[in-house]
């Protein structure tokens, strides 16, 4: 054959290895004999493609071809062509059938595996496990240890995780040849399904363990202790390595992921490292000022000074009385919010005193916000009456 190999594949002489591979795959799919039964021209073209690709995909052969041309692969000429060169059939070029093209295209890319796929399929890694854990705000503040109980796959004790009753090694499944998948052709398509003989493991056990049915694992109750670090927040995820599901027949064990949810507290609400506490304050204390005793998350007493004239919703910050951070020993703050309580169930005398206060000429000075608001309301109604 004297036709230029680069012309056969439809690429330039300086084409990269990837460009050569893509060009070959595209044309090999088009001219493969399985797709063109009885077409001698297509068969001949396919052989040309294989011959060209066999040379150009190899750096040494390509270098020899670029230097000596076809003479490099004639018997006794050039470098390393071998007797008869590379003028083989489709089978000699590495493709015995249409399915083999797919195998070569996807091998090593997560498609159909390789010759060692059986051992990997047999030892399947166990799944990770999620465990939702409710933690009190006090435990989140100081840290704690949680005892977790759950059912999961654990290594089978009788067979020591091998899946075999007599300890014998598993043999490669003859149906799928160790791949765990079987393929068959439907027209121009290759269909792949889980092997029903070995259930996708790629291997067969002649004498399976009766306790686990050859899986090498069985469901058992698991009890473990997990350390909850101080400062965890809602949504914190704690990973515990190798405490998930046991793998099939000695496969790697998955991990356990503990997701933290902080329980609602009777006094406090949390925002990151800060603690909020809404405290009812009497109208008298808010008006005259005073001190209130407030609990903190660490159990201590906090004296908060309430200045005279404190308004509803006014907040007071107590430094360093909030939550710690998981990655720092510095604590956040506690925010005390005043909730002014209006007195109820008043006696006759108390009502008279309040009415007296309400009619006092200094009301504007005592309640400036209310006076300002209702002044604006009066102006608003006046403007409406004037047609503005």
Protein backbone atom coordinates (compact mmCIF):
# COMPACT_ATOMS: atom_id res chain seq x y z
CA UNK A 1 0.00 0.00 0.00
CA UNK A 2 1.47 3.32 -1.10
CA UNK A 3 -1.25 5.71 0.03
CA UNK A 4 -0.09 8.15 2.70
CA UNK A 5 -1.12 7.10 6.20
CA UNK A 6 -2.00 10.66 7.20
CA UNK A 7 -4.29 10.98 4.15
CA UNK A 8 -5.99 7.69 5.03
CA UNK A 9 -6.91 8.97 8.47
CA UNK A 10 -7.67 12.46 7.21
CA UNK A 11 -5.20 14.32 9.44
CA UNK A 12 -2.23 16.63 8.94
CA UNK A 13 1.31 15.35 9.34
CA UNK A 14 1.76 17.35 12.53
CA UNK A 15 -1.45 16.02 14.12
CA UNK A 16 -1.37 15.20 17.81
CA UNK A 17 -1.87 11.69 19.15
CA UNK A 18 -5.33 12.66 20.35
CA UNK A 19 -6.31 14.00 16.92
CA UNK A 20 -5.10 10.77 15.29
CA UNK A 21 -7.08 8.67 17.75
CA UNK A 22 -10.29 10.66 17.23
CA UNK A 23 -9.93 10.54 13.42
CA UNK A 24 -9.36 6.78 13.49
CA UNK A 25 -12.34 6.09 15.76
CA UNK A 26 -14.66 8.15 13.60
CA UNK A 27 -13.73 6.36 10.38
CA UNK A 28 -13.43 2.91 11.96
CA UNK A 29 -17.03 3.19 13.11
CA UNK A 30 -18.06 4.15 9.59
CA UNK A 31 -16.23 1.40 7.66
CA UNK A 32 -16.27 -1.51 10.11
CA UNK A 33 -17.28 -4.78 8.33
CA UNK A 34 -19.97 -5.50 10.90
CA UNK A 35 -21.68 -2.29 9.86
CA UNK A 36 -21.08 -2.92 6.15
CA UNK A 37 -21.64 -6.66 5.61
CA UNK A 38 -20.56 -7.86 2.18
CA UNK A 39 -19.10 -4.48 1.21
CA UNK A 40 -15.61 -5.25 -0.06
CA UNK A 41 -14.74 -1.59 -0.51
CA UNK A 42 -15.61 -0.84 3.11
CA UNK A 43 -13.61 -3.85 4.27
CA UNK A 44 -10.58 -2.69 2.29
CA UNK A 45 -10.93 0.84 3.68
CA UNK A 46 -11.16 -0.56 7.19
CA UNK A 47 -7.92 -2.48 6.72
CA UNK A 48 -6.22 0.69 5.46
CA UNK A 49 -7.41 2.57 8.54
CA UNK A 50 -6.10 -0.11 10.88
CA UNK A 51 -2.74 -0.21 9.16
CA UNK A 52 -2.36 3.56 9.25
CA UNK A 53 -3.47 3.82 12.85
CA UNK A 54 -1.20 0.97 13.96
CA UNK A 55 1.80 2.93 12.70
CA UNK A 56 0.87 6.49 13.59
CA UNK A 57 -0.30 5.75 17.16
CA UNK A 58 3.19 4.46 18.05
CA UNK A 59 5.78 7.22 18.47
CA UNK A 60 8.72 5.09 17.29
CA UNK A 61 6.88 3.67 14.28
CA UNK A 62 5.56 7.11 13.40
CA UNK A 63 9.06 8.59 13.55
CA UNK A 64 10.34 5.83 11.26
CA UNK A 65 7.45 6.38 8.85
CA UNK A 66 8.03 10.14 8.76
CA UNK A 67 11.68 9.50 7.89
CA UNK A 68 11.56 6.53 5.51
CA UNK A 69 7.92 6.34 4.43
CA UNK A 70 6.46 2.92 3.67
CA UNK A 71 9.94 1.53 3.11
CA UNK A 72 10.47 1.64 6.87
CA UNK A 73 8.11 -1.32 7.26
CA UNK A 74 9.06 -3.44 4.30
CA UNK A 75 10.96 -6.63 5.07
CA UNK A 76 14.60 -5.86 5.80
CA UNK A 77 14.20 -2.09 5.53
CA UNK A 78 13.97 0.79 8.01
CA UNK A 79 13.50 0.21 11.72
CA UNK A 80 11.60 -2.56 13.42
CA UNK A 81 8.77 -3.08 10.95
CA UNK A 82 8.89 -6.83 11.41
CA UNK A 83 8.42 -9.44 8.75
CA UNK A 84 5.45 -8.64 6.59
CA UNK A 85 5.03 -5.20 8.18
CA UNK A 86 1.57 -4.47 9.55
CA UNK A 87 -0.58 -5.68 6.71
CA UNK A 88 -2.89 -7.69 8.93
CA UNK A 89 -6.59 -8.31 8.81
CA UNK A 90 -9.17 -6.56 10.93
CA UNK A 91 -8.61 -9.15 13.61
CA UNK A 92 -4.85 -8.72 13.51
CA UNK A 93 -5.31 -5.01 14.03
CA UNK A 94 -7.00 -5.69 17.32
CA UNK A 95 -10.70 -5.61 16.40
CA UNK A 96 -12.43 -8.94 15.92
CA UNK A 97 -15.94 -7.51 15.89
CA UNK A 98 -18.05 -4.39 16.21
CA UNK A 99 -18.33 -4.76 20.00
CA UNK A 100 -14.53 -4.76 20.28
CA UNK A 101 -14.43 -1.21 18.94
CA UNK A 102 -16.68 -0.08 21.78
CA UNK A 103 -14.52 -2.03 24.22
CA UNK A 104 -11.37 -0.28 23.02
CA UNK A 105 -13.06 3.13 23.04
CA UNK A 106 -14.39 2.96 26.57
CA UNK A 107 -11.88 0.70 28.29
CA UNK A 108 -10.25 2.55 31.13
CA UNK A 109 -12.83 5.35 31.05
CA UNK A 110 -15.29 3.77 33.42
CA UNK A 111 -17.13 1.99 30.63
CA UNK A 112 -16.40 -1.74 30.52
CA UNK A 113 -13.53 -2.19 32.99
CA UNK A 114 -10.42 -4.25 32.32
CA UNK A 115 -9.01 -7.72 32.77
CA UNK A 116 -8.74 -7.14 36.51
CA UNK A 117 -12.31 -5.97 36.86
CA UNK A 118 -13.35 -9.18 38.60
CA UNK A 119 -11.38 -8.57 41.78
CA UNK A 120 -12.62 -4.99 41.99
CA UNK A 121 -16.24 -6.00 41.41
CA UNK A 122 -16.12 -8.74 44.02
CA UNK A 123 -14.87 -6.42 46.76
CA UNK A 124 -17.43 -3.65 46.63
CA UNK A 125 -16.99 -0.76 49.05
CA UNK A 126 -19.69 -0.30 51.67
CA UNK A 127 -21.99 2.72 51.58
CA UNK A 128 -21.62 5.77 53.81
CA UNK A 129 -24.26 6.21 56.52
CA UNK A 130 -26.04 9.38 57.61
CA UNK A 131 -27.11 9.70 61.26
CA UNK A 132 -29.25 12.65 62.40
CA UNK A 133 -28.46 13.64 66.00
CA UNK A 134 -30.39 16.14 68.14
CA UNK A 135 -28.14 18.01 70.57
CA UNK A 136 -29.19 20.34 73.38
CA UNK A 137 -27.82 23.88 73.38
CA UNK A 138 -26.05 23.14 76.68
CA UNK A 139 -24.24 20.12 75.16
CA UNK A 140 -23.39 22.17 72.09
CA UNK A 141 -21.87 24.78 74.41
CA UNK A 142 -19.70 22.49 76.53
CA UNK A 143 -19.28 19.51 74.17
CA UNK A 144 -20.38 15.98 74.93
CA UNK A 145 -20.18 12.32 73.97
CA UNK A 146 -23.12 10.71 72.17
CA UNK A 147 -23.84 6.98 72.18
CA UNK A 148 -25.21 6.01 68.77
CA UNK A 149 -27.14 2.81 68.06
CA UNK A 150 -28.16 1.79 64.56
CA UNK A 151 -28.43 -1.24 62.29
CA UNK A 152 -26.06 -1.59 59.38
CA UNK A 153 -24.02 -4.12 57.43
CA UNK A 154 -21.06 -5.40 59.45
CA UNK A 155 -18.40 -7.94 58.56
CA UNK A 156 -19.70 -11.50 58.89
CA UNK A 157 -18.09 -13.20 61.89
CA UNK A 158 -18.39 -16.89 60.84
CA UNK A 159 -16.62 -16.38 57.50
CA UNK A 160 -14.49 -13.43 58.62
CA UNK A 161 -15.93 -11.30 55.83
CA UNK A 162 -14.81 -13.61 53.00
CA UNK A 163 -18.29 -14.90 52.13
CA UNK A 164 -16.94 -18.46 51.92
CA UNK A 165 -17.93 -21.13 54.44
CA UNK A 166 -14.65 -23.03 54.10
CA UNK A 167 -12.39 -20.02 53.57
CA UNK A 168 -11.75 -20.84 49.92
CA UNK A 169 -11.16 -18.01 47.49
CA UNK A 170 -13.79 -16.88 45.06
CA UNK A 171 -13.46 -17.92 41.42
CA UNK A 172 -13.96 -15.63 38.44
CA UNK A 173 -17.51 -15.73 37.11
CA UNK A 174 -17.43 -17.48 33.74
CA UNK A 175 -20.53 -15.70 32.47
CA UNK A 176 -19.16 -12.16 32.70
CA UNK A 177 -15.44 -13.06 32.91
CA UNK A 178 -15.10 -11.13 36.15
CA UNK A 179 -16.55 -7.84 34.91
CA UNK A 180 -19.82 -8.08 36.82
CA UNK A 181 -21.55 -6.92 33.62
CA UNK A 182 -22.58 -8.76 30.48
CA UNK A 183 -22.87 -7.22 27.04
CA UNK A 184 -24.87 -8.16 23.99
CA UNK A 185 -25.43 -6.51 20.67
CA UNK A 186 -28.78 -5.17 19.50
CA UNK A 187 -28.38 -3.93 15.96
CA UNK A 188 -25.68 -1.26 16.04
CA UNK A 189 -25.83 -0.81 19.81
CA UNK A 190 -24.07 -2.58 22.62
CA UNK A 191 -26.25 -3.16 25.70
CA UNK A 192 -24.68 -3.79 29.10
CA UNK A 193 -26.48 -5.32 32.08
CA UNK A 194 -25.63 -6.65 35.51
CA UNK A 195 -24.57 -10.28 35.37
CA UNK A 196 -27.36 -12.42 36.84
CA UNK A 197 -25.04 -15.33 37.55
CA UNK A 198 -22.84 -13.45 40.07
CA UNK A 199 -25.22 -10.53 40.76
CA UNK A 200 -22.61 -8.07 39.56
CA UNK A 201 -19.78 -9.17 41.86
CA UNK A 202 -17.70 -10.69 39.07
CA UNK A 203 -16.87 -13.75 41.15
CA UNK A 204 -18.51 -16.93 42.34
CA UNK A 205 -18.13 -18.77 45.66
CA UNK A 206 -18.49 -22.53 45.51
CA UNK A 207 -19.42 -22.91 49.18
CA UNK A 208 -21.05 -19.67 50.37
CA UNK A 209 -21.32 -18.87 54.06
CA UNK A 210 -24.81 -19.72 55.36
CA UNK A 211 -24.81 -16.83 57.78
CA UNK A 212 -24.35 -14.07 55.17
CA UNK A 213 -25.26 -15.91 51.96
CA UNK A 214 -21.80 -15.31 50.49
CA UNK A 215 -21.91 -11.52 50.91
CA UNK A 216 -19.28 -11.47 53.62
CA UNK A 217 -21.45 -9.11 55.66
CA UNK A 218 -24.74 -9.16 57.54
CA UNK A 219 -26.98 -6.63 59.28
CA UNK A 220 -26.21 -6.11 62.94
CA UNK A 221 -26.78 -3.48 65.61
CA UNK A 222 -23.85 -1.14 65.95
CA UNK A 223 -23.01 0.84 69.08
CA UNK A 224 -20.39 3.56 68.90
CA UNK A 225 -19.46 6.67 70.83
CA UNK A 226 -19.06 9.96 68.97
CA UNK A 227 -17.44 13.01 70.48
CA UNK A 228 -19.45 16.20 69.97
CA UNK A 229 -17.01 19.12 70.08
CA UNK A 230 -17.92 22.30 71.95
CA UNK A 231 -19.37 24.98 69.69
CA UNK A 232 -21.13 22.78 67.13
CA UNK A 233 -23.94 24.57 65.34
CA UNK A 234 -27.09 23.48 63.57
CA UNK A 235 -26.14 21.61 60.38
CA UNK A 236 -22.63 20.69 61.55
CA UNK A 237 -21.43 17.42 59.98
CA UNK A 238 -19.11 15.10 61.86
CA UNK A 239 -17.32 12.39 59.88
CA UNK A 240 -16.39 9.13 61.59
CA UNK A 241 -14.12 7.10 59.30
CA UNK A 242 -14.74 3.38 58.71
CA UNK A 243 -17.94 3.27 60.76
CA UNK A 244 -20.35 2.98 57.82
CA UNK A 245 -21.47 -0.15 55.98
CA UNK A 246 -19.00 -3.01 55.64
CA UNK A 247 -18.01 -3.75 52.06
CA UNK A 248 -18.93 -6.90 50.16
CA UNK A 249 -16.47 -9.78 50.71
CA UNK A 250 -13.82 -7.74 52.42
CA UNK A 251 -14.40 -4.51 50.52
CA UNK A 252 -13.58 -1.18 52.16
CA UNK A 253 -15.93 0.04 54.87
CA UNK A 254 -17.85 3.26 54.32
CA UNK A 255 -17.89 6.25 56.67
CA UNK A 256 -20.45 7.49 59.17
CA UNK A 257 -21.64 11.09 58.88
CA UNK A 258 -23.36 12.57 61.93
CA UNK A 259 -25.53 15.62 61.13
CA UNK A 260 -26.19 17.87 64.13
CA UNK A 261 -29.51 19.56 64.87
CA UNK A 262 -29.67 21.91 67.87
CA UNK A 263 -32.80 21.55 69.99
CA UNK A 264 -34.91 24.60 70.81
CA UNK A 265 -34.05 26.12 74.21
CA UNK A 266 -36.53 27.46 76.78
CA UNK A 267 -34.65 30.77 77.23
CA UNK A 268 -32.08 31.26 74.52
CA UNK A 269 -31.95 31.54 70.77
CA UNK A 270 -28.68 31.19 68.92
CA UNK A 271 -27.27 33.08 65.96
CA UNK A 272 -23.79 31.80 65.08
CA UNK A 273 -21.75 32.41 68.24
CA UNK A 274 -24.17 34.90 69.82
CA UNK A 275 -26.96 34.02 72.27
CA UNK A 276 -30.23 36.01 72.41
CA UNK A 277 -32.40 36.19 75.50
CA UNK A 278 -35.67 38.15 75.66
CA UNK A 279 -36.37 39.24 79.27
CA UNK A 280 -39.72 40.66 80.52
CA UNK A 281 -39.16 43.95 82.36
CA UNK A 282 -41.74 45.75 84.42
CA UNK A 283 -42.93 49.15 83.26
CA UNK A 284 -41.62 50.65 86.50
CA UNK A 285 -38.11 49.22 86.03
CA UNK A 286 -38.06 50.36 82.42
CA UNK A 287 -39.12 53.87 83.44
CA UNK A 288 -37.02 54.30 86.57
CA UNK A 289 -34.10 52.01 85.76
CA UNK A 290 -32.67 49.16 87.78
CA UNK A 291 -30.87 45.81 87.58
CA UNK A 292 -32.04 42.37 86.44
CA UNK A 293 -30.46 38.94 87.06
CA UNK A 294 -30.22 36.94 83.83
CA UNK A 295 -28.97 33.32 83.45
CA UNK A 296 -26.23 32.60 80.90
CA UNK A 297 -25.63 29.45 78.85
CA UNK A 298 -22.67 28.49 81.06
CA UNK A 299 -24.94 28.45 84.15
CA UNK A 300 -23.64 31.61 85.75
CA UNK A 301 -25.65 34.68 86.82
CA UNK A 302 -25.33 37.87 84.79
CA UNK A 303 -26.27 41.26 86.26
CA UNK A 304 -27.66 43.52 83.54
CA UNK A 305 -28.15 47.23 84.24
CA UNK A 306 -31.38 48.67 82.87
CA UNK A 307 -31.08 52.45 82.37
CA UNK A 308 -34.04 54.71 83.10
CA UNK A 309 -36.31 55.21 80.11
CA UNK A 310 -35.54 51.79 78.51
CA UNK A 311 -37.84 51.13 75.54
CA UNK A 312 -39.47 47.91 74.43
CA UNK A 313 -37.11 45.89 72.22
CA UNK A 314 -33.99 47.71 73.35
CA UNK A 315 -30.99 45.37 73.48
CA UNK A 316 -28.03 45.11 75.85
CA UNK A 317 -24.87 43.25 74.90
CA UNK A 318 -22.97 41.17 77.47
CA UNK A 319 -19.50 40.43 76.09
CA UNK A 320 -18.08 36.90 76.17
CA UNK A 321 -21.23 35.17 77.40
CA UNK A 322 -22.24 33.55 74.12
CA UNK A 323 -21.25 30.29 72.39
CA UNK A 324 -17.71 29.11 71.70
CA UNK A 325 -16.50 28.33 68.19
CA UNK A 326 -15.39 24.84 67.15
CA UNK A 327 -12.12 26.25 65.85
CA UNK A 328 -11.54 28.90 68.53
CA UNK A 329 -11.73 29.33 72.29
CA UNK A 330 -13.18 32.85 71.92
CA UNK A 331 -16.84 33.05 72.93
CA UNK A 332 -19.53 35.15 71.34
CA UNK A 333 -21.81 37.58 73.19
CA UNK A 334 -25.17 37.33 74.92
CA UNK A 335 -27.78 39.82 73.70
CA UNK A 336 -30.45 40.69 76.28
CA UNK A 337 -33.59 42.17 74.77
CA UNK A 338 -35.99 44.13 76.97
CA UNK A 339 -39.65 43.16 76.64
CA UNK A 340 -41.59 45.85 78.53
CA UNK A 341 -44.54 44.25 80.29
CA UNK A 342 -47.72 46.30 80.63
CA UNK A 343 -49.31 45.71 84.05
CA UNK A 344 -52.63 43.83 84.22
CA UNK A 345 -55.25 43.23 86.93
CA UNK A 346 -54.78 46.75 88.35
CA UNK A 347 -56.36 47.79 91.62
CA UNK A 348 -58.58 50.89 91.84
CA UNK A 349 -55.77 52.90 93.41
CA UNK A 350 -53.29 51.84 90.73
CA UNK A 351 -55.71 52.87 88.01
CA UNK A 352 -56.23 56.28 89.62
CA UNK A 353 -52.45 56.82 89.79
CA UNK A 354 -52.03 55.91 86.13
CA UNK A 355 -54.90 58.18 85.11
CA UNK A 356 -53.31 60.97 87.10
CA UNK A 357 -50.02 60.35 85.30
CA UNK A 358 -51.80 60.28 81.95
CA UNK A 359 -53.38 63.72 82.48
CA UNK A 360 -50.19 65.32 83.73
CA UNK A 361 -49.12 68.39 81.77
CA UNK A 362 -45.64 66.93 81.29
CA UNK A 363 -46.91 64.00 79.16
CA UNK A 364 -45.18 65.38 76.06
CA UNK A 365 -41.87 65.29 77.85
CA UNK A 366 -42.51 61.80 79.29
CA UNK A 367 -43.55 60.16 75.99
CA UNK A 368 -41.78 62.02 73.17
CA UNK A 369 -42.19 59.26 70.59
CA UNK A 370 -45.96 59.05 71.04
CA UNK A 371 -46.27 62.85 70.98
CA UNK A 372 -44.23 63.06 67.77
CA UNK A 373 -46.26 60.35 66.06
CA UNK A 374 -49.67 61.79 66.88
CA UNK A 375 -48.52 65.29 65.89
CA UNK A 376 -47.71 63.88 62.45
CA UNK A 377 -51.10 62.14 62.38
CA UNK A 378 -52.87 65.45 63.12
CA UNK A 379 -50.95 67.14 60.31
CA UNK A 380 -51.90 64.28 57.99
CA UNK A 381 -55.62 64.68 58.66
CA UNK A 382 -55.35 68.47 58.32
CA UNK A 383 -53.77 68.10 54.91
CA UNK A 384 -56.61 65.82 53.80
CA UNK A 385 -59.21 68.28 55.04
CA UNK A 386 -57.50 71.08 53.08
CA UNK A 387 -57.48 68.94 49.96
CA UNK A 388 -53.74 68.61 49.75
